[in-house]
């Protein structure tokens, strides 16, 4: 009996153990099946969700937890947002679609983005950018846009238009490039016309957009310069000169002369200007008034010859010295006895017989007077028409200078001057002597016309008898043809 009971109990225990094992196996298989199914469903939902967001305008991110879908990122418009959510909700097997993390861009109308360049060259940007990807790509070459907020409504080619705006601003000292819809407006300040042309050229290849350009040019490259002179007051300048003359360049070109006025400067050039100014300065002592004009088209001079000088001679000298067109006339005759300090020469002048005489400043001794007169004619000889006693008009200025010396040096009793004329050895001796007498008398007569007392002047002809150089060369003969002044002891 006992053995039978034991067997029965063992059988029952085996049955219980077998049932327990079966339950565990079934439960394990159920868990494994459920887990495998959940992962498979999650993968299917993830794959389907990725297809839905693949054509989104901006970067979107989808996360699937179990069968719940979580969408985050940026939607370009409300319509796109609703389309994406609807697409996710249509996925079979999903449970919840959570789109709370999605930002919908505001609709910007009109769509505006602007660049502003300051005087220090810094560019700042305002307005909106169409997407993070486009904005970040543009920021590689235009860092100013890196922090622009996003907004919907940008025109096609937005990035291309802003790059064109940046290129247009590059040559400008300062300015702005404002994109409104399909219109790019560029305004600013250019140093010269070259920078303006460069800025406009940067917009020339921008297709699909209207462009509005308003650029002021700081230096338009226009030379418009006037230099006025009169013998009483000196030089005065106004207008715009080439900057190549440099600081103080005008005064330097004029030989250090004092010039009233402060003309502006431009990058433009006028070929030959510096040489013309130098030549002008060298002839100021022959002028009563003058107006020198320089423009981009060239230079010209209108002047009045100093009273008593031959206008044509003065004109020819000016034209040769300056290399410009010269129009000249005669100045009004001054009243006898008028005095002034000539602004160009700094010398005291006295008017007599319609001529300005330069009055020297030295103690009039006989030796000093002879030395001063001879220094004057050595520097600028008194010339005659070849073979005659007719004074060359070019020598009138020398006659005037000598007249001032003679006037000073004959004012005291007993001060008399001998005007001598000499010839070279060419031709007949008697003819040369007669010619020298005639020339001495011509100079004496010119001095009398300038207020010198005739009784204090003696005209003497020496012919070829007192040469100072060999007559075998033209140079020597030219030195022998001369006028001398002497105050005898």
Protein backbone atom coordinates (compact mmCIF):
# COMPACT_ATOMS: atom_id res chain seq x y z
CA UNK A 1 0.00 0.00 0.00
CA UNK A 2 2.74 2.39 0.91
CA UNK A 3 4.56 1.86 -2.36
CA UNK A 4 1.41 2.47 -4.29
CA UNK A 5 0.75 5.71 -2.46
CA UNK A 6 4.25 6.90 -3.10
CA UNK A 7 3.97 6.29 -6.80
CA UNK A 8 0.73 8.16 -6.97
CA UNK A 9 2.26 11.17 -5.21
CA UNK A 10 5.27 11.18 -7.52
CA UNK A 11 3.07 11.13 -10.55
CA UNK A 12 1.10 14.10 -9.27
CA UNK A 13 4.28 16.10 -8.61
CA UNK A 14 5.54 15.44 -12.11
CA UNK A 15 2.28 16.63 -13.55
CA UNK A 16 2.48 19.84 -11.50
CA UNK A 17 6.09 20.48 -12.56
CA UNK A 18 5.24 19.87 -16.20
CA UNK A 19 2.35 22.31 -16.03
CA UNK A 20 4.60 24.96 -14.45
CA UNK A 21 7.23 24.53 -17.14
CA UNK A 22 4.57 24.81 -19.80
CA UNK A 23 3.28 28.06 -18.29
CA UNK A 24 6.78 29.53 -18.16
CA UNK A 25 7.49 28.56 -21.75
CA UNK A 26 4.21 29.96 -22.98
CA UNK A 27 4.75 33.21 -21.05
CA UNK A 28 8.29 33.53 -22.42
CA UNK A 29 7.11 32.95 -25.91
CA UNK A 30 4.37 35.53 -25.41
CA UNK A 31 6.82 38.17 -24.10
CA UNK A 32 9.28 37.47 -26.86
CA UNK A 33 6.55 37.71 -29.42
CA UNK A 34 5.18 40.96 -28.00
CA UNK A 35 8.63 42.51 -27.77
CA UNK A 36 9.59 41.52 -31.26
CA UNK A 37 6.30 42.80 -32.61
CA UNK A 38 6.72 46.16 -30.77
CA UNK A 39 10.19 46.71 -32.22
CA UNK A 40 8.98 45.79 -35.67
CA UNK A 41 6.07 48.19 -35.41
CA UNK A 42 8.35 50.96 -34.11
CA UNK A 43 10.67 50.48 -37.05
CA UNK A 44 7.81 50.47 -39.52
CA UNK A 45 6.35 53.66 -38.03
CA UNK A 46 9.79 55.33 -37.99
CA UNK A 47 10.35 54.45 -41.63
CA UNK A 48 6.91 55.70 -42.64
CA UNK A 49 7.37 58.91 -40.65
CA UNK A 50 10.73 59.55 -42.34
CA UNK A 51 9.02 59.36 -45.71
CA UNK A 52 6.42 61.90 -44.59
CA UNK A 53 8.97 64.50 -43.48
CA UNK A 54 11.43 63.88 -46.33
CA UNK A 55 10.12 66.77 -48.47
CA UNK A 56 9.84 69.27 -45.61
CA UNK A 57 11.21 72.71 -46.42
CA UNK A 58 13.35 72.84 -43.28
CA UNK A 59 15.20 70.32 -41.19
CA UNK A 60 12.69 68.17 -39.28
CA UNK A 61 13.29 65.40 -36.77
CA UNK A 62 10.92 62.55 -35.95
CA UNK A 63 11.22 60.22 -32.97
CA UNK A 64 9.10 57.07 -32.43
CA UNK A 65 8.65 55.62 -28.98
CA UNK A 66 6.62 52.45 -29.14
CA UNK A 67 3.87 53.59 -31.45
CA UNK A 68 3.98 57.26 -30.39
CA UNK A 69 5.39 59.76 -32.91
CA UNK A 70 7.17 62.94 -31.72
CA UNK A 71 7.85 65.60 -34.37
CA UNK A 72 10.27 68.54 -33.83
CA UNK A 73 11.89 71.17 -36.05
CA UNK A 74 10.70 74.09 -38.19
CA UNK A 75 7.75 74.19 -40.56
CA UNK A 76 7.91 76.74 -43.34
CA UNK A 77 4.18 77.52 -43.20
CA UNK A 78 1.07 76.55 -41.29
CA UNK A 79 -0.08 74.64 -44.34
CA UNK A 80 3.14 72.61 -44.39
CA UNK A 81 2.80 71.95 -40.66
CA UNK A 82 -0.74 70.66 -41.07
CA UNK A 83 0.29 68.53 -44.06
CA UNK A 84 3.09 66.91 -42.08
CA UNK A 85 0.90 66.21 -39.08
CA UNK A 86 -1.80 64.76 -41.32
CA UNK A 87 0.73 62.53 -43.02
CA UNK A 88 2.01 61.24 -39.70
CA UNK A 89 -1.49 60.64 -38.40
CA UNK A 90 -2.22 58.52 -41.46
CA UNK A 91 0.52 56.03 -40.62
CA UNK A 92 -0.97 52.65 -39.75
CA UNK A 93 -0.23 51.38 -36.27
CA UNK A 94 0.70 54.72 -34.77
CA UNK A 95 -0.90 55.74 -31.55
CA UNK A 96 -0.18 59.44 -30.77
CA UNK A 97 1.34 62.21 -32.92
CA UNK A 98 2.97 64.92 -30.77
CA UNK A 99 3.95 68.06 -32.77
CA UNK A 100 4.25 70.50 -29.89
CA UNK A 101 7.96 70.98 -30.57
CA UNK A 102 7.46 72.24 -34.12
CA UNK A 103 7.98 75.97 -34.78
CA UNK A 104 5.97 77.44 -37.65
CA UNK A 105 7.76 80.34 -39.34
CA UNK A 106 5.91 83.65 -39.44
CA UNK A 107 4.72 84.78 -42.87
CA UNK A 108 6.73 87.97 -43.67
CA UNK A 109 5.12 90.37 -46.15
CA UNK A 110 6.88 92.20 -47.63
CA UNK A 111 9.96 90.09 -47.11
CA UNK A 112 12.87 92.32 -46.16
CA UNK A 113 16.55 91.72 -45.49
CA UNK A 114 19.04 94.58 -45.35
CA UNK A 115 22.80 94.99 -45.11
CA UNK A 116 24.37 98.19 -43.77
CA UNK A 117 28.06 99.07 -44.08
CA UNK A 118 29.47 101.63 -41.65
CA UNK A 119 32.41 103.95 -42.07
CA UNK A 120 34.67 101.41 -40.34
CA UNK A 121 33.80 98.78 -42.95
CA UNK A 122 31.67 96.66 -40.62
CA UNK A 123 28.53 95.12 -42.16
CA UNK A 124 25.43 94.40 -40.08
CA UNK A 125 22.28 92.63 -41.23
CA UNK A 126 18.63 93.09 -40.30
CA UNK A 127 15.42 91.40 -41.36
CA UNK A 128 14.84 87.68 -41.92
CA UNK A 129 16.39 84.63 -43.51
CA UNK A 130 14.37 81.93 -45.28
CA UNK A 131 15.93 78.86 -43.67
CA UNK A 132 18.65 77.77 -41.33
CA UNK A 133 20.49 75.91 -44.08
CA UNK A 134 20.44 78.85 -46.52
CA UNK A 135 21.31 81.31 -43.76
CA UNK A 136 24.24 79.24 -42.51
CA UNK A 137 25.58 78.74 -46.02
CA UNK A 138 25.44 82.48 -46.68
CA UNK A 139 27.08 83.23 -43.32
CA UNK A 140 30.25 81.53 -44.58
CA UNK A 141 30.91 84.57 -46.80
CA UNK A 142 28.62 87.07 -45.05
CA UNK A 143 28.86 86.52 -41.27
CA UNK A 144 26.45 89.37 -40.57
CA UNK A 145 23.45 87.17 -41.47
CA UNK A 146 24.32 84.37 -39.02
CA UNK A 147 21.86 85.53 -36.36
CA UNK A 148 18.97 86.60 -38.58
CA UNK A 149 15.63 85.17 -37.45
CA UNK A 150 13.88 82.86 -39.89
CA UNK A 151 10.74 83.85 -41.73
CA UNK A 152 8.62 82.58 -44.58
CA UNK A 153 8.20 84.47 -47.83
CA UNK A 154 11.73 85.00 -49.13
CA UNK A 155 11.98 85.43 -52.91
CA UNK A 156 13.72 82.80 -54.99
CA UNK A 157 17.37 83.75 -55.27
CA UNK A 158 17.42 85.44 -51.84
CA UNK A 159 20.98 84.30 -51.12
CA UNK A 160 22.18 85.33 -54.58
CA UNK A 161 20.66 88.79 -54.21
CA UNK A 162 22.31 89.40 -50.85
CA UNK A 163 25.68 88.30 -52.21
CA UNK A 164 25.25 90.84 -55.01
CA UNK A 165 24.39 93.47 -52.39
CA UNK A 166 27.52 92.61 -50.44
CA UNK A 167 29.64 92.90 -53.60
CA UNK A 168 28.09 96.31 -54.38
CA UNK A 169 28.88 97.57 -50.87
CA UNK A 170 32.50 96.37 -50.98
CA UNK A 171 33.95 99.38 -52.93
CA UNK A 172 31.79 101.95 -51.09
CA UNK A 173 32.98 103.91 -48.07
CA UNK A 174 29.58 103.30 -46.48
CA UNK A 175 26.10 102.35 -47.61
CA UNK A 176 23.21 99.92 -47.52
CA UNK A 177 21.79 97.11 -49.63
CA UNK A 178 18.11 96.51 -48.85
CA UNK A 179 16.25 93.56 -50.39
CA UNK A 180 12.47 93.99 -50.36
CA UNK A 181 10.68 91.23 -52.21
CA UNK A 182 12.25 91.13 -55.67
CA UNK A 183 13.81 94.60 -55.46
CA UNK A 184 17.38 95.25 -54.31
CA UNK A 185 18.07 98.91 -53.45
CA UNK A 186 21.70 99.96 -53.00
CA UNK A 187 22.61 103.40 -51.67
CA UNK A 188 25.84 104.79 -50.31
CA UNK A 189 28.91 106.96 -50.62
CA UNK A 190 31.80 106.24 -52.99
CA UNK A 191 35.24 107.82 -52.77
CA UNK A 192 35.50 108.31 -56.55
CA UNK A 193 33.63 107.52 -59.73
CA UNK A 194 35.74 104.38 -60.11
CA UNK A 195 34.25 102.90 -56.94
CA UNK A 196 30.77 103.91 -58.05
CA UNK A 197 31.21 102.10 -61.37
CA UNK A 198 32.54 99.03 -59.56
CA UNK A 199 29.52 99.00 -57.23
CA UNK A 200 27.09 99.29 -60.13
CA UNK A 201 28.94 96.55 -61.99
CA UNK A 202 28.42 94.15 -59.08
CA UNK A 203 24.66 94.39 -59.68
CA UNK A 204 24.80 94.08 -63.45
CA UNK A 205 24.73 90.25 -63.43
CA UNK A 206 21.90 89.91 -60.90
CA UNK A 207 19.02 88.36 -62.85
CA UNK A 208 15.45 88.06 -61.68
CA UNK A 209 15.55 91.13 -59.47
CA UNK A 210 14.91 94.84 -59.96
CA UNK A 211 17.77 97.05 -58.79
CA UNK A 212 17.65 100.63 -57.56
CA UNK A 213 20.99 102.40 -57.17
CA UNK A 214 21.68 105.75 -55.53
CA UNK A 215 25.38 106.41 -54.91
CA UNK A 216 26.88 109.76 -54.02
CA UNK A 217 30.48 110.31 -55.06
CA UNK A 218 32.70 112.06 -52.55
CA UNK A 219 35.26 112.96 -55.25
CA UNK A 220 33.69 113.01 -58.72
CA UNK A 221 37.06 113.63 -60.37
CA UNK A 222 36.20 117.11 -61.59
CA UNK A 223 39.00 119.64 -61.86
CA UNK A 224 37.56 123.16 -61.79
CA UNK A 225 40.29 125.51 -60.64
CA UNK A 226 40.78 129.26 -61.00
CA UNK A 227 43.90 131.19 -60.00
CA UNK A 228 43.55 134.98 -60.10
CA UNK A 229 46.33 137.53 -59.89
CA UNK A 230 46.63 141.26 -59.77
CA UNK A 231 49.79 143.25 -59.17
CA UNK A 232 48.29 145.07 -56.18
CA UNK A 233 46.92 142.13 -54.16
CA UNK A 234 48.69 139.01 -55.41
CA UNK A 235 47.34 135.50 -55.98
CA UNK A 236 44.03 133.94 -54.92
CA UNK A 237 42.85 130.42 -55.71
CA UNK A 238 39.51 128.64 -55.59
CA UNK A 239 37.96 125.46 -56.89
CA UNK A 240 39.34 121.93 -57.08
CA UNK A 241 42.90 120.93 -57.96
CA UNK A 242 44.49 117.52 -58.61
CA UNK A 243 45.48 116.00 -55.30
CA UNK A 244 48.78 114.89 -56.86
CA UNK A 245 50.11 118.37 -56.15
CA UNK A 246 50.10 117.32 -52.49
CA UNK A 247 49.92 119.44 -49.36
CA UNK A 248 51.22 122.90 -50.18
CA UNK A 249 51.67 121.78 -53.76
CA UNK A 250 50.09 124.87 -55.28
CA UNK A 251 52.40 127.28 -53.48
CA UNK A 252 55.36 125.04 -54.27
CA UNK A 253 54.47 124.93 -57.98
CA UNK A 254 54.28 128.73 -57.90
CA UNK A 255 57.81 129.00 -56.55
CA UNK A 256 56.77 129.47 -52.93
CA UNK A 257 54.41 132.35 -53.67
CA UNK A 258 51.73 133.17 -51.11
CA UNK A 259 48.27 132.18 -52.34
CA UNK A 260 44.99 133.19 -50.71
CA UNK A 261 42.17 130.65 -50.62
CA UNK A 262 42.00 126.93 -49.92
CA UNK A 263 41.10 124.98 -53.06
CA UNK A 264 39.89 121.41 -52.72
CA UNK A 265 41.53 118.29 -54.16
CA UNK A 266 40.50 115.55 -56.56
CA UNK A 267 42.08 112.35 -57.82
CA UNK A 268 41.77 113.56 -61.43
CA UNK A 269 44.80 114.90 -63.24
CA UNK A 270 45.46 117.74 -65.69
CA UNK A 271 48.59 116.89 -67.69
CA UNK A 272 51.21 119.64 -67.59
CA UNK A 273 49.55 121.60 -64.78
CA UNK A 274 52.61 121.81 -62.51
CA UNK A 275 54.80 123.06 -65.37
CA UNK A 276 52.18 125.60 -66.40
CA UNK A 277 51.99 126.97 -62.86
CA UNK A 278 55.77 127.19 -62.68
CA UNK A 279 55.89 129.10 -65.98
CA UNK A 280 53.08 131.38 -64.84
CA UNK A 281 54.93 132.23 -61.63
CA UNK A 282 58.04 133.12 -63.57
CA UNK A 283 56.20 135.74 -65.65
CA UNK A 284 54.01 137.34 -62.97
CA UNK A 285 56.25 140.39 -62.89
CA UNK A 286 55.15 141.25 -66.45
CA UNK A 287 51.43 141.16 -65.63
CA UNK A 288 48.90 143.59 -64.20
CA UNK A 289 46.09 141.05 -63.90
CA UNK A 290 45.62 137.41 -64.85
CA UNK A 291 43.08 134.60 -64.59
CA UNK A 292 44.44 131.09 -64.98
CA UNK A 293 41.86 128.33 -65.42
CA UNK A 294 42.39 124.57 -65.26
CA UNK A 295 39.67 121.96 -65.93
CA UNK A 296 39.54 118.35 -67.03
CA UNK A 297 39.48 119.66 -70.59
CA UNK A 298 42.70 121.70 -70.31
CA UNK A 299 44.14 125.04 -69.25
CA UNK A 300 43.98 128.65 -70.39
CA UNK A 301 45.12 132.11 -69.31
CA UNK A 302 43.57 135.54 -69.75
CA UNK A 303 45.80 138.44 -68.70
CA UNK A 304 46.71 142.10 -68.96
CA UNK A 305 50.32 143.03 -69.61
CA UNK A 306 51.89 145.44 -67.16
CA UNK A 307 51.38 149.02 -68.33
CA UNK A 308 54.16 150.10 -70.67
CA UNK A 309 55.07 146.55 -71.78
CA UNK A 310 54.40 145.17 -75.23
CA UNK A 311 51.36 142.89 -74.87
CA UNK A 312 52.31 140.56 -77.72
CA UNK A 313 55.80 140.08 -76.31
CA UNK A 314 54.35 139.25 -72.91
CA UNK A 315 51.83 136.85 -74.47
CA UNK A 316 54.53 134.99 -76.39
CA UNK A 317 56.69 134.65 -73.29
CA UNK A 318 53.76 133.32 -71.25
CA UNK A 319 52.70 130.85 -73.93
CA UNK A 320 56.24 129.52 -74.22
CA UNK A 321 56.74 129.28 -70.45
CA UNK A 322 53.37 127.72 -69.66
CA UNK A 323 52.51 125.70 -72.73
CA UNK A 324 48.90 126.92 -72.68
CA UNK A 325 46.65 129.17 -74.74
CA UNK A 326 47.07 132.80 -73.67
CA UNK A 327 44.77 135.71 -74.42
CA UNK A 328 46.23 139.06 -73.43
CA UNK A 329 45.43 142.74 -73.51
CA UNK A 330 46.92 145.99 -72.25
CA UNK A 331 46.27 147.22 -68.74
CA UNK A 332 44.89 150.71 -68.09
CA UNK A 333 47.64 153.35 -67.86
CA UNK A 334 48.47 154.44 -64.31
CA UNK A 335 48.56 158.09 -63.30
CA UNK A 336 52.01 159.67 -63.07
CA UNK A 337 53.34 159.59 -59.56
CA UNK A 338 51.25 156.63 -58.41
CA UNK A 339 53.20 154.27 -56.19
CA UNK A 340 52.72 150.66 -55.06
CA UNK A 341 54.52 147.50 -54.01
CA UNK A 342 54.28 144.95 -56.80
CA UNK A 343 52.78 141.77 -55.33
CA UNK A 344 54.83 139.47 -57.54
CA UNK A 345 58.25 141.08 -57.23
CA UNK A 346 57.95 142.79 -53.87
CA UNK A 347 59.56 145.87 -55.46
CA UNK A 348 58.36 149.45 -55.07
CA UNK A 349 56.98 150.82 -58.33
CA UNK A 350 56.36 154.41 -59.44
CA UNK A 351 54.22 155.32 -62.45
CA UNK A 352 55.47 157.76 -65.07
CA UNK A 353 54.58 158.21 -68.71
CA UNK A 354 52.11 155.33 -68.64
CA UNK A 355 54.73 152.90 -67.34
CA UNK A 356 55.46 151.31 -64.00
CA UNK A 357 59.09 151.88 -63.04
CA UNK A 358 60.75 149.63 -60.50
CA UNK A 359 62.47 151.70 -57.85
CA UNK A 360 65.58 150.09 -56.35
CA UNK A 361 66.45 150.30 -52.67
CA UNK A 362 70.15 151.12 -52.24
CA UNK A 363 72.36 154.12 -51.44
CA UNK A 364 73.04 155.83 -54.80
CA UNK A 365 76.81 156.13 -55.13
CA UNK A 366 78.38 156.31 -58.56
CA UNK A 367 79.94 152.86 -58.27
CA UNK A 368 76.75 151.33 -56.84
CA UNK A 369 74.66 152.87 -59.60
CA UNK A 370 76.95 151.61 -62.35
CA UNK A 371 77.01 148.14 -60.79
CA UNK A 372 73.20 147.97 -60.46
CA UNK A 373 72.53 149.16 -64.00
CA UNK A 374 75.05 146.80 -65.57
CA UNK A 375 73.77 143.84 -63.54
CA UNK A 376 70.29 144.54 -64.93
CA UNK A 377 71.34 144.64 -68.59
CA UNK A 378 73.67 141.66 -68.15
CA UNK A 379 70.72 139.61 -66.87
CA UNK A 380 68.38 140.83 -69.60
CA UNK A 381 70.20 142.66 -72.43
CA UNK A 382 68.64 145.61 -74.24
CA UNK A 383 68.04 144.37 -77.78
CA UNK A 384 67.32 146.07 -81.11
CA UNK A 385 65.82 145.08 -84.39
CA UNK A 386 68.81 143.67 -86.36
CA UNK A 387 70.76 146.38 -88.19
CA UNK A 388 68.68 149.23 -86.76
CA UNK A 389 68.25 151.45 -83.72
CA UNK A 390 64.64 150.33 -83.14
CA UNK A 391 64.25 148.89 -79.65
CA UNK A 392 63.06 145.30 -79.56
CA UNK A 393 59.69 145.26 -77.69
CA UNK A 394 61.05 142.40 -75.57
CA UNK A 395 63.52 144.86 -74.01
CA UNK A 396 60.92 147.29 -72.67
CA UNK A 397 60.87 145.54 -69.30
CA UNK A 398 64.64 145.98 -69.02
CA UNK A 399 64.35 149.65 -70.01
CA UNK A 400 61.77 150.11 -67.23
CA UNK A 401 64.05 148.49 -64.65
CA UNK A 402 67.03 150.59 -65.75
CA UNK A 403 64.86 153.73 -65.68
CA UNK A 404 64.17 153.15 -62.01
CA UNK A 405 67.86 152.86 -61.28
CA UNK A 406 68.70 155.95 -63.34
CA UNK A 407 65.89 157.88 -61.67
CA UNK A 408 67.36 157.12 -58.25
CA UNK A 409 70.94 157.66 -59.37
CA UNK A 410 70.46 161.08 -61.03
CA UNK A 411 68.40 162.77 -58.32
CA UNK A 412 71.43 164.35 -56.61
CA UNK A 413 73.32 167.29 -58.13
CA UNK A 414 76.31 166.21 -60.16
CA UNK A 415 75.02 162.65 -60.75
CA UNK A 416 75.11 162.12 -64.49
CA UNK A 417 75.03 158.89 -66.51
CA UNK A 418 76.68 157.97 -69.78
CA UNK A 419 74.57 155.67 -71.97
CA UNK A 420 76.97 153.79 -74.22
CA UNK A 421 76.21 151.63 -77.24
CA UNK A 422 78.64 149.09 -78.75
CA UNK A 423 78.60 146.96 -81.91
CA UNK A 424 80.45 143.93 -83.15
CA UNK A 425 83.14 144.16 -85.85
CA UNK A 426 80.97 142.93 -88.68
CA UNK A 427 80.59 145.41 -91.54
CA UNK A 428 81.94 148.91 -92.09
CA UNK A 429 83.60 150.71 -89.16
CA UNK A 430 81.89 154.02 -89.89
CA UNK A 431 78.51 152.36 -90.25
CA UNK A 432 79.01 150.55 -86.96
CA UNK A 433 79.89 153.77 -85.23
CA UNK A 434 76.81 155.52 -86.60
CA UNK A 435 74.62 152.59 -85.57
CA UNK A 436 76.02 152.67 -82.05
CA UNK A 437 75.33 156.39 -81.71
CA UNK A 438 71.76 155.89 -82.91
CA UNK A 439 71.20 153.06 -80.46
CA UNK A 440 72.60 155.03 -77.52
CA UNK A 441 70.29 157.92 -78.39
CA UNK A 442 67.31 155.50 -78.66
CA UNK A 443 67.92 154.25 -75.12
CA UNK A 444 68.42 157.80 -73.86
CA UNK A 445 65.12 158.82 -75.46
CA UNK A 446 63.31 155.90 -73.87
CA UNK A 447 64.65 156.93 -70.46
CA UNK A 448 63.57 160.55 -71.00
CA UNK A 449 60.05 159.30 -71.77
CA UNK A 450 60.14 157.59 -68.38
CA UNK A 451 60.77 160.82 -66.50
CA UNK A 452 64.57 161.04 -66.48
CA UNK A 453 65.91 164.60 -66.91
CA UNK A 454 67.49 164.79 -70.37
CA UNK A 455 70.36 167.01 -69.16
CA UNK A 456 71.55 164.20 -66.89
CA UNK A 457 71.83 161.68 -69.74
CA UNK A 458 74.69 161.54 -72.25
CA UNK A 459 74.41 159.20 -75.23
CA UNK A 460 77.71 157.93 -76.62
CA UNK A 461 78.42 155.54 -79.47
CA UNK A 462 81.58 153.44 -79.37
CA UNK A 463 81.11 151.38 -82.50
CA UNK A 464 83.34 148.32 -82.48
CA UNK A 465 86.20 149.95 -80.58
CA UNK A 466 85.68 148.37 -77.14
CA UNK A 467 85.01 144.66 -77.65
CA UNK A 468 84.63 142.41 -74.59
CA UNK A 469 84.85 139.16 -76.55
CA UNK A 470 86.34 137.82 -79.77
CA UNK A 471 84.46 138.85 -82.91
CA UNK A 472 85.29 135.56 -84.65
CA UNK A 473 82.29 133.73 -83.13
CA UNK A 474 78.60 134.58 -83.01
CA UNK A 475 78.66 134.19 -79.25
CA UNK A 476 81.50 136.70 -78.99
CA UNK A 477 79.84 139.13 -81.39
CA UNK A 478 76.58 138.93 -79.37
CA UNK A 479 78.48 139.92 -76.22
CA UNK A 480 80.05 142.88 -78.06
CA UNK A 481 76.63 144.22 -79.14
CA UNK A 482 75.63 145.81 -75.88
CA UNK A 483 74.38 148.86 -73.99
CA UNK A 484 76.40 150.15 -71.05
CA UNK A 485 75.67 152.61 -68.23
CA UNK A 486 78.36 154.45 -66.30
CA UNK A 487 78.40 157.17 -63.68
CA UNK A 488 81.79 158.77 -64.22
CA UNK A 489 83.90 159.89 -61.31
